[in-house]
C-alpha atoms as a PDB file:
ATOM      1  CA  UNK A   1     -36.170 233.396  42.486  1.00  0.00           C
ATOM      2  CA  UNK A   2     -33.983 233.124  45.709  1.00  0.00           C
ATOM      3  CA  UNK A   3     -35.957 232.133  48.804  1.00  0.00           C
ATOM      4  CA  UNK A   4     -36.367 234.727  51.547  1.00  0.00           C
ATOM      5  CA  UNK A   5     -34.128 233.914  54.514  1.00  0.00           C
ATOM      6  CA  UNK A   6     -36.045 234.042  57.739  1.00  0.00           C
ATOM      7  CA  UNK A   7     -35.201 234.303  61.556  1.00  0.00           C
ATOM      8  CA  UNK A   8     -37.498 231.804  63.283  1.00  0.00           C
ATOM      9  CA  UNK A   9     -38.107 231.430  66.880  1.00  0.00           C
ATOM     10  CA  UNK A  10     -39.000 227.817  68.006  1.00  0.00           C
ATOM     11  CA  UNK A  11     -40.290 226.968  71.545  1.00  0.00           C
ATOM     12  CA  UNK A  12     -39.715 223.291  72.524  1.00  0.00           C
ATOM     13  CA  UNK A  13     -36.798 223.119  70.221  1.00  0.00           C
ATOM     14  CA  UNK A  14     -34.721 220.542  72.057  1.00  0.00           C
ATOM     15  CA  UNK A  15     -36.713 217.494  71.164  1.00  0.00           C
ATOM     16  CA  UNK A  16     -39.577 216.131  69.025  1.00  0.00           C
ATOM     17  CA  UNK A  17     -41.577 218.342  66.631  1.00  0.00           C
ATOM     18  CA  UNK A  18     -39.641 221.524  67.639  1.00  0.00           C
ATOM     19  CA  UNK A  19     -36.317 219.941  67.106  1.00  0.00           C
ATOM     20  CA  UNK A  20     -37.535 218.488  63.735  1.00  0.00           C
ATOM     21  CA  UNK A  21     -38.564 221.951  62.637  1.00  0.00           C
ATOM     22  CA  UNK A  22     -35.272 223.548  63.745  1.00  0.00           C
ATOM     23  CA  UNK A  23     -33.349 221.006  61.664  1.00  0.00           C
ATOM     24  CA  UNK A  24     -35.491 221.475  58.685  1.00  0.00           C
ATOM     25  CA  UNK A  25     -35.403 225.188  58.658  1.00  0.00           C
ATOM     26  CA  UNK A  26     -31.600 225.272  59.145  1.00  0.00           C
ATOM     27  CA  UNK A  27     -31.163 223.007  56.121  1.00  0.00           C
ATOM     28  CA  UNK A  28     -33.284 225.378  54.197  1.00  0.00           C
ATOM     29  CA  UNK A  29     -31.051 228.374  54.997  1.00  0.00           C
ATOM     30  CA  UNK A  30     -33.006 230.080  57.676  1.00  0.00           C
ATOM     31  CA  UNK A  31     -31.806 231.364  61.061  1.00  0.00           C
ATOM     32  CA  UNK A  32     -33.213 229.545  64.118  1.00  0.00           C
ATOM     33  CA  UNK A  33     -33.416 230.497  67.739  1.00  0.00           C
ATOM     34  CA  UNK A  34     -34.265 227.503  69.845  1.00  0.00           C
ATOM     35  CA  UNK A  35     -36.034 227.819  73.152  1.00  0.00           C
ATOM     36  CA  UNK A  36     -35.894 224.929  75.733  1.00  0.00           C
ATOM     37  CA  UNK A  37     -35.601 224.478  79.376  1.00  0.00           C
ATOM     38  CA  UNK A  38     -32.323 222.608  79.016  1.00  0.00           C
ATOM     39  CA  UNK A  39     -30.200 223.686  75.954  1.00  0.00           C
ATOM     40  CA  UNK A  40     -27.851 220.694  76.591  1.00  0.00           C
ATOM     41  CA  UNK A  41     -30.521 218.461  75.033  1.00  0.00           C
ATOM     42  CA  UNK A  42     -30.052 220.058  71.565  1.00  0.00           C
ATOM     43  CA  UNK A  43     -26.404 221.280  71.255  1.00  0.00           C
ATOM     44  CA  UNK A  44     -25.281 222.224  67.661  1.00  0.00           C
ATOM     45  CA  UNK A  45     -22.469 224.258  66.365  1.00  0.00           C
ATOM     46  CA  UNK A  46     -24.543 225.289  63.406  1.00  0.00           C
ATOM     47  CA  UNK A  47     -23.657 228.888  62.532  1.00  0.00           C
ATOM     48  CA  UNK A  48     -27.310 229.901  62.055  1.00  0.00           C
ATOM     49  CA  UNK A  49     -28.660 228.162  65.272  1.00  0.00           C
ATOM     50  CA  UNK A  50     -28.681 230.006  68.692  1.00  0.00           C
ATOM     51  CA  UNK A  51     -30.015 228.107  71.674  1.00  0.00           C
ATOM     52  CA  UNK A  52     -31.790 230.110  74.301  1.00  0.00           C
ATOM     53  CA  UNK A  53     -32.636 228.667  77.885  1.00  0.00           C
ATOM     54  CA  UNK A  54     -36.062 229.618  79.187  1.00  0.00           C
ATOM     55  CA  UNK A  55     -38.608 227.818  81.376  1.00  0.00           C
ATOM     56  CA  UNK A  56     -42.032 228.678  79.829  1.00  0.00           C
ATOM     57  CA  UNK A  57     -43.798 227.218  82.792  1.00  0.00           C
ATOM     58  CA  UNK A  58     -42.558 229.937  84.973  1.00  0.00           C
ATOM     59  CA  UNK A  59     -45.372 232.511  84.150  1.00  0.00           C
ATOM     60  CA  UNK A  60     -44.155 235.022  86.825  1.00  0.00           C
ATOM     61  CA  UNK A  61     -40.595 235.420  85.401  1.00  0.00           C
ATOM     62  CA  UNK A  62     -41.735 234.924  81.724  1.00  0.00           C
ATOM     63  CA  UNK A  63     -42.635 238.600  80.767  1.00  0.00           C
ATOM     64  CA  UNK A  64     -39.178 239.847  81.652  1.00  0.00           C
ATOM     65  CA  UNK A  65     -37.399 236.901  80.132  1.00  0.00           C
ATOM     66  CA  UNK A  66     -39.435 237.532  76.815  1.00  0.00           C
ATOM     67  CA  UNK A  67     -38.591 241.197  76.749  1.00  0.00           C
ATOM     68  CA  UNK A  68     -34.915 240.316  77.013  1.00  0.00           C
ATOM     69  CA  UNK A  69     -35.247 237.736  74.256  1.00  0.00           C
ATOM     70  CA  UNK A  70     -37.064 240.175  72.035  1.00  0.00           C
ATOM     71  CA  UNK A  71     -34.405 242.777  72.523  1.00  0.00           C
ATOM     72  CA  UNK A  72     -31.439 240.333  71.953  1.00  0.00           C
ATOM     73  CA  UNK A  73     -32.952 238.912  68.617  1.00  0.00           C
ATOM     74  CA  UNK A  74     -34.777 241.897  66.824  1.00  0.00           C
ATOM     75  CA  UNK A  75     -34.590 240.044  63.520  1.00  0.00           C
ATOM     76  CA  UNK A  76     -37.161 237.446  64.470  1.00  0.00           C
ATOM     77  CA  UNK A  77     -39.951 237.399  61.895  1.00  0.00           C
ATOM     78  CA  UNK A  78     -41.483 234.042  62.744  1.00  0.00           C
ATOM     79  CA  UNK A  79     -42.539 231.877  65.817  1.00  0.00           C
ATOM     80  CA  UNK A  80     -43.204 228.256  65.989  1.00  0.00           C
ATOM     81  CA  UNK A  81     -45.151 227.386  69.227  1.00  0.00           C
ATOM     82  CA  UNK A  82     -44.277 223.760  69.741  1.00  0.00           C
ATOM     83  CA  UNK A  83     -43.588 223.611  73.524  1.00  0.00           C
ATOM     84  CA  UNK A  84     -46.091 221.572  75.565  1.00  0.00           C
ATOM     85  CA  UNK A  85     -46.666 218.193  77.116  1.00  0.00           C
ATOM     86  CA  UNK A  86     -49.411 215.539  77.646  1.00  0.00           C
ATOM     87  CA  UNK A  87     -51.088 214.337  80.739  1.00  0.00           C
ATOM     88  CA  UNK A  88     -54.160 212.195  80.604  1.00  0.00           C
ATOM     89  CA  UNK A  89     -56.392 211.046  83.324  1.00  0.00           C
ATOM     90  CA  UNK A  90     -60.011 211.518  84.439  1.00  0.00           C
ATOM     91  CA  UNK A  91     -60.668 214.925  85.947  1.00  0.00           C
ATOM     92  CA  UNK A  92     -60.930 213.372  89.500  1.00  0.00           C
ATOM     93  CA  UNK A  93     -57.454 212.039  89.263  1.00  0.00           C
ATOM     94  CA  UNK A  94     -55.863 215.542  88.587  1.00  0.00           C
ATOM     95  CA  UNK A  95     -54.777 217.539  91.410  1.00  0.00           C
ATOM     96  CA  UNK A  96     -55.596 221.217  91.352  1.00  0.00           C
ATOM     97  CA  UNK A  97     -51.899 222.318  90.745  1.00  0.00           C
ATOM     98  CA  UNK A  98     -51.639 219.697  87.951  1.00  0.00           C
ATOM     99  CA  UNK A  99     -54.654 221.248  86.137  1.00  0.00           C
ATOM    100  CA  UNK A 100     -53.050 224.661  86.485  1.00  0.00           C
ATOM    101  CA  UNK A 101     -49.578 223.518  85.401  1.00  0.00           C
ATOM    102  CA  UNK A 102     -50.909 221.839  82.212  1.00  0.00           C
ATOM    103  CA  UNK A 103     -53.017 224.848  81.206  1.00  0.00           C
ATOM    104  CA  UNK A 104     -50.113 227.164  81.918  1.00  0.00           C
ATOM    105  CA  UNK A 105     -47.617 225.473  79.705  1.00  0.00           C
ATOM    106  CA  UNK A 106     -49.836 224.282  76.906  1.00  0.00           C
ATOM    107  CA  UNK A 107     -51.819 227.580  76.510  1.00  0.00           C
ATOM    108  CA  UNK A 108     -50.937 230.526  78.778  1.00  0.00           C
ATOM    109  CA  UNK A 109     -47.209 230.553  78.044  1.00  0.00           C
ATOM    110  CA  UNK A 110     -48.194 230.483  74.259  1.00  0.00           C
ATOM    111  CA  UNK A 111     -50.254 233.620  74.718  1.00  0.00           C
ATOM    112  CA  UNK A 112     -47.461 235.349  76.640  1.00  0.00           C
ATOM    113  CA  UNK A 113     -44.958 234.590  73.875  1.00  0.00           C
ATOM    114  CA  UNK A 114     -47.388 235.865  71.175  1.00  0.00           C
ATOM    115  CA  UNK A 115     -48.116 239.071  73.219  1.00  0.00           C
ATOM    116  CA  UNK A 116     -44.396 239.677  73.631  1.00  0.00           C
ATOM    117  CA  UNK A 117     -43.391 239.544  70.115  1.00  0.00           C
ATOM    118  CA  UNK A 118     -46.528 240.634  68.094  1.00  0.00           C
ATOM    119  CA  UNK A 119     -45.799 244.409  68.110  1.00  0.00           C
ATOM    120  CA  UNK A 120     -42.553 243.938  66.598  1.00  0.00           C
ATOM    121  CA  UNK A 121     -43.806 241.355  64.195  1.00  0.00           C
ATOM    122  CA  UNK A 122     -46.360 243.726  62.752  1.00  0.00           C
ATOM    123  CA  UNK A 123     -43.574 246.010  61.772  1.00  0.00           C
ATOM    124  CA  UNK A 124     -41.992 243.310  59.583  1.00  0.00           C
ATOM    125  CA  UNK A 125     -42.723 242.987  55.799  1.00  0.00           C
ATOM    126  CA  UNK A 126     -43.717 239.382  56.503  1.00  0.00           C
ATOM    127  CA  UNK A 127     -44.148 237.492  59.759  1.00  0.00           C
ATOM    128  CA  UNK A 128     -45.578 234.128  60.750  1.00  0.00           C
ATOM    129  CA  UNK A 129     -47.076 232.623  63.940  1.00  0.00           C
ATOM    130  CA  UNK A 130     -47.391 228.924  63.713  1.00  0.00           C
ATOM    131  CA  UNK A 131     -49.048 226.994  66.545  1.00  0.00           C
ATOM    132  CA  UNK A 132     -48.571 223.392  66.853  1.00  0.00           C
ATOM    133  CA  UNK A 133     -52.065 222.193  67.969  1.00  0.00           C
ATOM    134  CA  UNK A 134     -53.403 218.585  68.163  1.00  0.00           C
ATOM    135  CA  UNK A 135     -56.196 216.418  67.018  1.00  0.00           C
ATOM    136  CA  UNK A 136     -57.296 216.889  70.639  1.00  0.00           C
ATOM    137  CA  UNK A 137     -58.191 220.564  69.679  1.00  0.00           C
ATOM    138  CA  UNK A 138     -60.831 219.056  67.235  1.00  0.00           C
ATOM    139  CA  UNK A 139     -62.756 216.727  69.485  1.00  0.00           C
ATOM    140  CA  UNK A 140     -62.754 215.971  73.258  1.00  0.00           C
ATOM    141  CA  UNK A 141     -61.889 212.494  74.379  1.00  0.00           C
ATOM    142  CA  UNK A 142     -62.022 210.320  77.529  1.00  0.00           C
ATOM    143  CA  UNK A 143     -59.322 211.065  80.059  1.00  0.00           C
ATOM    144  CA  UNK A 144     -58.345 214.040  77.968  1.00  0.00           C
ATOM    145  CA  UNK A 145     -60.360 216.721  79.522  1.00  0.00           C
ATOM    146  CA  UNK A 146     -57.618 219.061  80.623  1.00  0.00           C
ATOM    147  CA  UNK A 147     -55.333 218.361  77.809  1.00  0.00           C
ATOM    148  CA  UNK A 148     -58.068 218.715  75.251  1.00  0.00           C
ATOM    149  CA  UNK A 149     -59.134 221.980  76.970  1.00  0.00           C
ATOM    150  CA  UNK A 150     -55.655 223.320  76.639  1.00  0.00           C
ATOM    151  CA  UNK A 151     -55.518 222.456  72.958  1.00  0.00           C
ATOM    152  CA  UNK A 152     -58.988 223.816  72.234  1.00  0.00           C
ATOM    153  CA  UNK A 153     -57.883 227.039  73.897  1.00  0.00           C
ATOM    154  CA  UNK A 154     -54.743 227.290  71.456  1.00  0.00           C
ATOM    155  CA  UNK A 155     -57.053 226.765  68.515  1.00  0.00           C
ATOM    156  CA  UNK A 156     -59.546 229.330  69.559  1.00  0.00           C
ATOM    157  CA  UNK A 157     -56.733 231.725  70.346  1.00  0.00           C
ATOM    158  CA  UNK A 158     -55.016 231.285  66.956  1.00  0.00           C
ATOM    159  CA  UNK A 159     -58.379 231.780  65.086  1.00  0.00           C
ATOM    160  CA  UNK A 160     -59.084 234.999  67.000  1.00  0.00           C
ATOM    161  CA  UNK A 161     -55.399 236.212  66.533  1.00  0.00           C
ATOM    162  CA  UNK A 162     -55.663 235.481  62.763  1.00  0.00           C
ATOM    163  CA  UNK A 163     -58.593 237.892  62.694  1.00  0.00           C
ATOM    164  CA  UNK A 164     -56.820 240.555  64.768  1.00  0.00           C
ATOM    165  CA  UNK A 165     -53.795 240.341  62.460  1.00  0.00           C
ATOM    166  CA  UNK A 166     -55.842 240.295  59.146  1.00  0.00           C
ATOM    167  CA  UNK A 167     -54.864 243.735  58.213  1.00  0.00           C
ATOM    168  CA  UNK A 168     -51.200 243.428  59.204  1.00  0.00           C
ATOM    169  CA  UNK A 169     -48.275 241.505  57.648  1.00  0.00           C
ATOM    170  CA  UNK A 170     -48.637 238.799  60.252  1.00  0.00           C
ATOM    171  CA  UNK A 171     -49.904 235.432  59.091  1.00  0.00           C
ATOM    172  CA  UNK A 172     -51.265 233.010  61.861  1.00  0.00           C
ATOM    173  CA  UNK A 173     -51.423 229.314  61.118  1.00  0.00           C
ATOM    174  CA  UNK A 174     -52.442 226.252  63.157  1.00  0.00           C
ATOM    175  CA  UNK A 175     -51.291 222.649  62.567  1.00  0.00           C
ATOM    176  CA  UNK A 176     -53.246 219.938  64.252  1.00  0.00           C
ATOM    177  CA  UNK A 177     -51.335 216.605  64.159  1.00  0.00           C
ATOM    178  CA  UNK A 178     -52.629 213.242  65.160  1.00  0.00           C
ATOM    179  CA  UNK A 179     -50.343 210.944  67.146  1.00  0.00           C
ATOM    180  CA  UNK A 180     -46.668 211.700  66.405  1.00  0.00           C
ATOM    181  CA  UNK A 181     -43.916 209.142  67.273  1.00  0.00           C
ATOM    182  CA  UNK A 182     -41.936 211.288  69.685  1.00  0.00           C
ATOM    183  CA  UNK A 183     -40.812 211.260  73.301  1.00  0.00           C
ATOM    184  CA  UNK A 184     -44.181 212.901  74.010  1.00  0.00           C
ATOM    185  CA  UNK A 185     -45.461 209.308  75.033  1.00  0.00           C
ATOM    186  CA  UNK A 186     -42.387 208.437  77.130  1.00  0.00           C
ATOM    187  CA  UNK A 187     -44.156 208.938  80.453  1.00  0.00           C
ATOM    188  CA  UNK A 188     -47.790 208.262  79.261  1.00  0.00           C
ATOM    189  CA  UNK A 189     -49.705 204.980  79.635  1.00  0.00           C
ATOM    190  CA  UNK A 190     -50.191 204.566  75.864  1.00  0.00           C
ATOM    191  CA  UNK A 191     -48.360 205.056  72.592  1.00  0.00           C
ATOM    192  CA  UNK A 192     -48.985 204.801  68.857  1.00  0.00           C
ATOM    193  CA  UNK A 193     -48.866 201.388  67.176  1.00  0.00           C
ATOM    194  CA  UNK A 194     -45.482 200.278  65.822  1.00  0.00           C
ATOM    195  CA  UNK A 195     -46.199 200.384  62.070  1.00  0.00           C
ATOM    196  CA  UNK A 196     -45.183 203.448  60.092  1.00  0.00           C
ATOM    197  CA  UNK A 197     -48.870 203.847  59.206  1.00  0.00           C
ATOM    198  CA  UNK A 198     -49.929 204.124  62.913  1.00  0.00           C
ATOM    199  CA  UNK A 199     -48.226 207.348  63.694  1.00  0.00           C
ATOM    200  CA  UNK A 200     -46.956 210.554  62.090  1.00  0.00           C
ATOM    201  CA  UNK A 201     -43.250 211.282  62.571  1.00  0.00           C
ATOM    202  CA  UNK A 202     -41.754 214.690  63.597  1.00  0.00           C
ATOM    203  CA  UNK A 203     -40.604 215.458  60.149  1.00  0.00           C
ATOM    204  CA  UNK A 204     -44.121 215.204  58.802  1.00  0.00           C
ATOM    205  CA  UNK A 205     -45.152 218.095  60.922  1.00  0.00           C
ATOM    206  CA  UNK A 206     -41.808 219.844  60.164  1.00  0.00           C
ATOM    207  CA  UNK A 207     -42.735 219.579  56.433  1.00  0.00           C
ATOM    208  CA  UNK A 208     -46.106 221.322  57.045  1.00  0.00           C
ATOM    209  CA  UNK A 209     -44.206 224.075  59.091  1.00  0.00           C
ATOM    210  CA  UNK A 210     -41.755 224.595  56.233  1.00  0.00           C
ATOM    211  CA  UNK A 211     -44.584 224.971  53.670  1.00  0.00           C
ATOM    212  CA  UNK A 212     -46.145 227.676  55.714  1.00  0.00           C
ATOM    213  CA  UNK A 213     -42.861 229.593  56.418  1.00  0.00           C
ATOM    214  CA  UNK A 214     -41.849 229.410  52.763  1.00  0.00           C
ATOM    215  CA  UNK A 215     -45.087 230.187  51.183  1.00  0.00           C
ATOM    216  CA  UNK A 216     -44.993 233.316  49.168  1.00  0.00           C
ATOM    217  CA  UNK A 217     -46.524 236.508  50.315  1.00  0.00           C
ATOM    218  CA  UNK A 218     -50.331 236.728  49.652  1.00  0.00           C
ATOM    219  CA  UNK A 219     -50.944 233.054  50.748  1.00  0.00           C
ATOM    220  CA  UNK A 220     -52.429 232.428  54.170  1.00  0.00           C
ATOM    221  CA  UNK A 221     -52.580 228.860  55.443  1.00  0.00           C
ATOM    222  CA  UNK A 222     -55.191 228.904  58.203  1.00  0.00           C
ATOM    223  CA  UNK A 223     -55.281 225.354  59.521  1.00  0.00           C
ATOM    224  CA  UNK A 224     -53.602 222.024  58.573  1.00  0.00           C
ATOM    225  CA  UNK A 225     -54.959 218.692  60.116  1.00  0.00           C
ATOM    226  CA  UNK A 226     -52.432 215.829  59.654  1.00  0.00           C
ATOM    227  CA  UNK A 227     -53.276 212.227  60.650  1.00  0.00           C
ATOM    228  CA  UNK A 228     -51.534 208.782  60.253  1.00  0.00           C
ATOM    229  CA  UNK A 229     -53.195 206.507  57.743  1.00  0.00           C
ATOM    230  CA  UNK A 230     -54.371 204.223  60.581  1.00  0.00           C
ATOM    231  CA  UNK A 231     -54.954 205.115  64.151  1.00  0.00           C
ATOM    232  CA  UNK A 232     -53.624 202.387  66.495  1.00  0.00           C
ATOM    233  CA  UNK A 233     -53.112 202.835  70.191  1.00  0.00           C
ATOM    234  CA  UNK A 234     -51.062 200.417  72.264  1.00  0.00           C
ATOM    235  CA  UNK A 235     -51.399 200.554  76.094  1.00  0.00           C
ATOM    236  CA  UNK A 236     -48.320 199.981  78.127  1.00  0.00           C
ATOM    237  CA  UNK A 237     -48.332 197.332  80.680  1.00  0.00           C
ATOM    238  CA  UNK A 238     -47.845 198.176  84.453  1.00  0.00           C
ATOM    239  CA  UNK A 239     -49.041 201.710  83.876  1.00  0.00           C
END
């Protein structure tokens, strides 16, 4: 049986998990529209890849930009929500604008993106919304109050959205990875250990995304939790 070719929108496609998902889905024969703030970070001449530059943190401009995007790519029948960033400090160390900015990018922009495309997705024979959550959505942790809150919000949003879409063709899934060895940790004071068992890699998450995208109709994958075999954290010096 020939696999169904999908047209998948990926936020945060220029690096890390988003980029790995884009590469995996292109290899499987799907079409990919990759969203990023800077398209130069992931340039490819692949005939089924289209880069689209958009700043998801600019909430004021986002509704118009998303409307234009939906009009330009009406074939989209799946979205992978992988844009986001980490910031970890005690609540007293956050400024008020930093709190707002982290919540805006990690959660509110995701809800804007889902709202913009959901009406058209419900008219498709099959559609998928796949949110990249975090182990931080499962349990709060010290110095993670705002980041955990943003990921808890994504988890609650995806659960409620799954119920709202239950009678439609739209499947809603959530993937909660533990530490993934990507540039996510570049500007943070800690990183996973160096052994391969200390962290996931981006392709591990892309494999889970591929499983959901390629699953036959009639199957709903609610939530997947992925973790490295051994959780080891290294704290960087001078940070």
